[in-house]
Amino acid sequence: MEAAGVGEGRPVFLQMMSVFADLSVLDLWLPLALGSPVVIATAEQMKDVEAVRSLIMRHRVACMTTVPSMFQVGLLPASAPHKSAFDLQA
């Protein structure tokens, strides 16, 4: 994405909401309207915490909307329970 100049210098968003949920409109269209890249997780990836963590790290995701249970099942590394979701890249 950055090689093509799209979203250069803008935060990357991870879209994990079902397109049938009203919040998905905000998750998908707001970043695109602002010129930010959006990574869309597949249904299989949304069910797998490790796959979600991999997407976050690989694409340097800065923003995402998820349910608290994703953090309870280990989205954040055990070695960093004090870190916020914004520190996942560190």
C-alpha atoms as a PDB file:
ATOM      1  CA  MET A   1       0.000   0.000   0.000  1.00  0.00           C
ATOM      2  CA  GLU A   2       2.692   2.472   0.928  1.00  0.00           C
ATOM      3  CA  ALA A   3       4.664   1.647  -2.209  1.00  0.00           C
ATOM      4  CA  ALA A   4       1.748   2.923  -4.261  1.00  0.00           C
ATOM      5  CA  GLY A   5       1.525   6.049  -2.096  1.00  0.00           C
ATOM      6  CA  VAL A   6      -1.894   5.128  -0.728  1.00  0.00           C
ATOM      7  CA  GLY A   7      -2.279   5.933   2.944  1.00  0.00           C
ATOM      8  CA  GLU A   8       1.347   6.948   3.278  1.00  0.00           C
ATOM      9  CA  GLY A   9       1.919   8.233   6.797  1.00  0.00           C
ATOM     10  CA  ARG A  10      -1.655   7.456   7.847  1.00  0.00           C
ATOM     11  CA  PRO A  11      -2.680   4.960  10.545  1.00  0.00           C
ATOM     12  CA  VAL A  12      -3.731   1.511   9.375  1.00  0.00           C
ATOM     13  CA  PHE A  13      -7.158   0.314  10.517  1.00  0.00           C
ATOM     14  CA  LEU A  14      -8.172  -3.318  11.058  1.00  0.00           C
ATOM     15  CA  GLN A  15     -11.798  -4.048  10.120  1.00  0.00           C
ATOM     16  CA  MET A  16     -13.167  -6.990  12.102  1.00  0.00           C
ATOM     17  CA  MET A  17     -16.868  -6.207  12.349  1.00  0.00           C
ATOM     18  CA  SER A  18     -19.442  -8.097  10.329  1.00  0.00           C
ATOM     19  CA  VAL A  19     -20.675  -6.005   7.424  1.00  0.00           C
ATOM     20  CA  PHE A  20     -24.150  -6.612   8.837  1.00  0.00           C
ATOM     21  CA  ALA A  21     -23.292  -4.690  12.022  1.00  0.00           C
ATOM     22  CA  ASP A  22     -23.927  -0.963  11.975  1.00  0.00           C
ATOM     23  CA  LEU A  23     -20.490  -0.286  13.475  1.00  0.00           C
ATOM     24  CA  SER A  24     -18.869  -1.767  10.372  1.00  0.00           C
ATOM     25  CA  VAL A  25     -19.856   1.379   8.460  1.00  0.00           C
ATOM     26  CA  LEU A  26     -17.690   3.449  10.780  1.00  0.00           C
ATOM     27  CA  ASP A  27     -14.878   0.851  10.815  1.00  0.00           C
ATOM     28  CA  LEU A  28     -14.687   0.642   7.044  1.00  0.00           C
ATOM     29  CA  TRP A  29     -15.747   3.939   5.509  1.00  0.00           C
ATOM     30  CA  LEU A  30     -14.327   6.456   7.979  1.00  0.00           C
ATOM     31  CA  PRO A  31     -10.691   5.383   7.488  1.00  0.00           C
ATOM     32  CA  LEU A  32     -11.172   5.183   3.728  1.00  0.00           C
ATOM     33  CA  ALA A  33     -12.727   8.668   3.671  1.00  0.00           C
ATOM     34  CA  LEU A  34      -9.689   9.947   5.578  1.00  0.00           C
ATOM     35  CA  GLY A  35      -7.274   8.229   3.178  1.00  0.00           C
ATOM     36  CA  SER A  36      -6.138   5.569   5.631  1.00  0.00           C
ATOM     37  CA  PRO A  37      -5.572   1.959   4.578  1.00  0.00           C
ATOM     38  CA  VAL A  38      -7.929  -0.702   5.913  1.00  0.00           C
ATOM     39  CA  VAL A  39      -7.008  -4.351   6.500  1.00  0.00           C
ATOM     40  CA  ILE A  40     -10.091  -6.578   6.367  1.00  0.00           C
ATOM     41  CA  ALA A  41      -9.914  -9.736   8.458  1.00  0.00           C
ATOM     42  CA  THR A  42     -11.535 -12.873   7.080  1.00  0.00           C
ATOM     43  CA  ALA A  43     -14.182 -14.735   9.070  1.00  0.00           C
ATOM     44  CA  GLU A  44     -11.600 -17.418   9.887  1.00  0.00           C
ATOM     45  CA  GLN A  45      -9.053 -14.868  11.077  1.00  0.00           C
ATOM     46  CA  MET A  46     -11.632 -13.195  13.332  1.00  0.00           C
ATOM     47  CA  LYS A  47     -12.054 -16.480  15.224  1.00  0.00           C
ATOM     48  CA  ASP A  48      -8.301 -16.968  15.769  1.00  0.00           C
ATOM     49  CA  VAL A  49      -6.510 -14.687  18.227  1.00  0.00           C
ATOM     50  CA  GLU A  50      -3.099 -15.576  16.796  1.00  0.00           C
ATOM     51  CA  ALA A  51      -4.280 -14.728  13.272  1.00  0.00           C
ATOM     52  CA  VAL A  52      -5.571 -11.353  14.488  1.00  0.00           C
ATOM     53  CA  ARG A  53      -2.315 -10.662  16.310  1.00  0.00           C
ATOM     54  CA  SER A  54      -0.411 -11.587  13.147  1.00  0.00           C
ATOM     55  CA  LEU A  55      -2.499  -9.168  11.059  1.00  0.00           C
ATOM     56  CA  ILE A  56      -1.858  -6.393  13.584  1.00  0.00           C
ATOM     57  CA  MET A  57       1.888  -6.939  13.553  1.00  0.00           C
ATOM     58  CA  ARG A  58       2.269  -7.586   9.807  1.00  0.00           C
ATOM     59  CA  HIS A  59       0.292  -4.528   8.728  1.00  0.00           C
ATOM     60  CA  ARG A  60       1.273  -2.293  11.671  1.00  0.00           C
ATOM     61  CA  VAL A  61      -2.358  -1.757  12.586  1.00  0.00           C
ATOM     62  CA  ALA A  62      -2.904   1.341  14.704  1.00  0.00           C
ATOM     63  CA  CYS A  63      -6.690   1.230  15.182  1.00  0.00           C
ATOM     64  CA  MET A  64      -9.329  -1.459  15.475  1.00  0.00           C
ATOM     65  CA  THR A  65     -12.697  -2.063  17.066  1.00  0.00           C
ATOM     66  CA  THR A  66     -13.203  -5.331  18.894  1.00  0.00           C
ATOM     67  CA  VAL A  67     -14.969  -6.833  21.860  1.00  0.00           C
ATOM     68  CA  PRO A  68     -13.306  -7.012  25.301  1.00  0.00           C
ATOM     69  CA  SER A  69     -13.212 -10.809  25.153  1.00  0.00           C
ATOM     70  CA  MET A  70     -10.537 -10.635  22.419  1.00  0.00           C
ATOM     71  CA  PHE A  71      -8.216  -9.105  25.005  1.00  0.00           C
ATOM     72  CA  GLN A  72      -9.280 -11.592  27.674  1.00  0.00           C
ATOM     73  CA  VAL A  73      -8.312 -14.546  25.465  1.00  0.00           C
ATOM     74  CA  GLY A  74      -4.861 -13.225  24.788  1.00  0.00           C
ATOM     75  CA  LEU A  75      -4.745 -10.604  22.050  1.00  0.00           C
ATOM     76  CA  LEU A  76      -2.141  -8.780  24.122  1.00  0.00           C
ATOM     77  CA  PRO A  77       1.051 -10.695  24.935  1.00  0.00           C
ATOM     78  CA  ALA A  78       1.123 -12.148  28.452  1.00  0.00           C
ATOM     79  CA  SER A  79       4.445 -10.399  29.020  1.00  0.00           C
ATOM     80  CA  ALA A  80       2.743  -7.023  28.619  1.00  0.00           C
ATOM     81  CA  PRO A  81      -0.601  -7.091  30.450  1.00  0.00           C
ATOM     82  CA  HIS A  82      -0.194  -3.416  31.358  1.00  0.00           C
ATOM     83  CA  LYS A  83       0.100  -2.277  27.753  1.00  0.00           C
ATOM     84  CA  SER A  84      -2.776  -0.780  25.847  1.00  0.00           C
ATOM     85  CA  ALA A  85      -3.929  -1.967  22.431  1.00  0.00           C
ATOM     86  CA  PHE A  86      -1.930   0.887  20.926  1.00  0.00           C
ATOM     87  CA  ASP A  87       1.290  -0.666  22.224  1.00  0.00           C
ATOM     88  CA  LEU A  88       0.929  -3.918  20.276  1.00  0.00           C
ATOM     89  CA  GLN A  89       3.531  -2.773  17.755  1.00  0.00           C
ATOM     90  CA  ALA A  90       6.163  -2.114  20.428  1.00  0.00           C
END
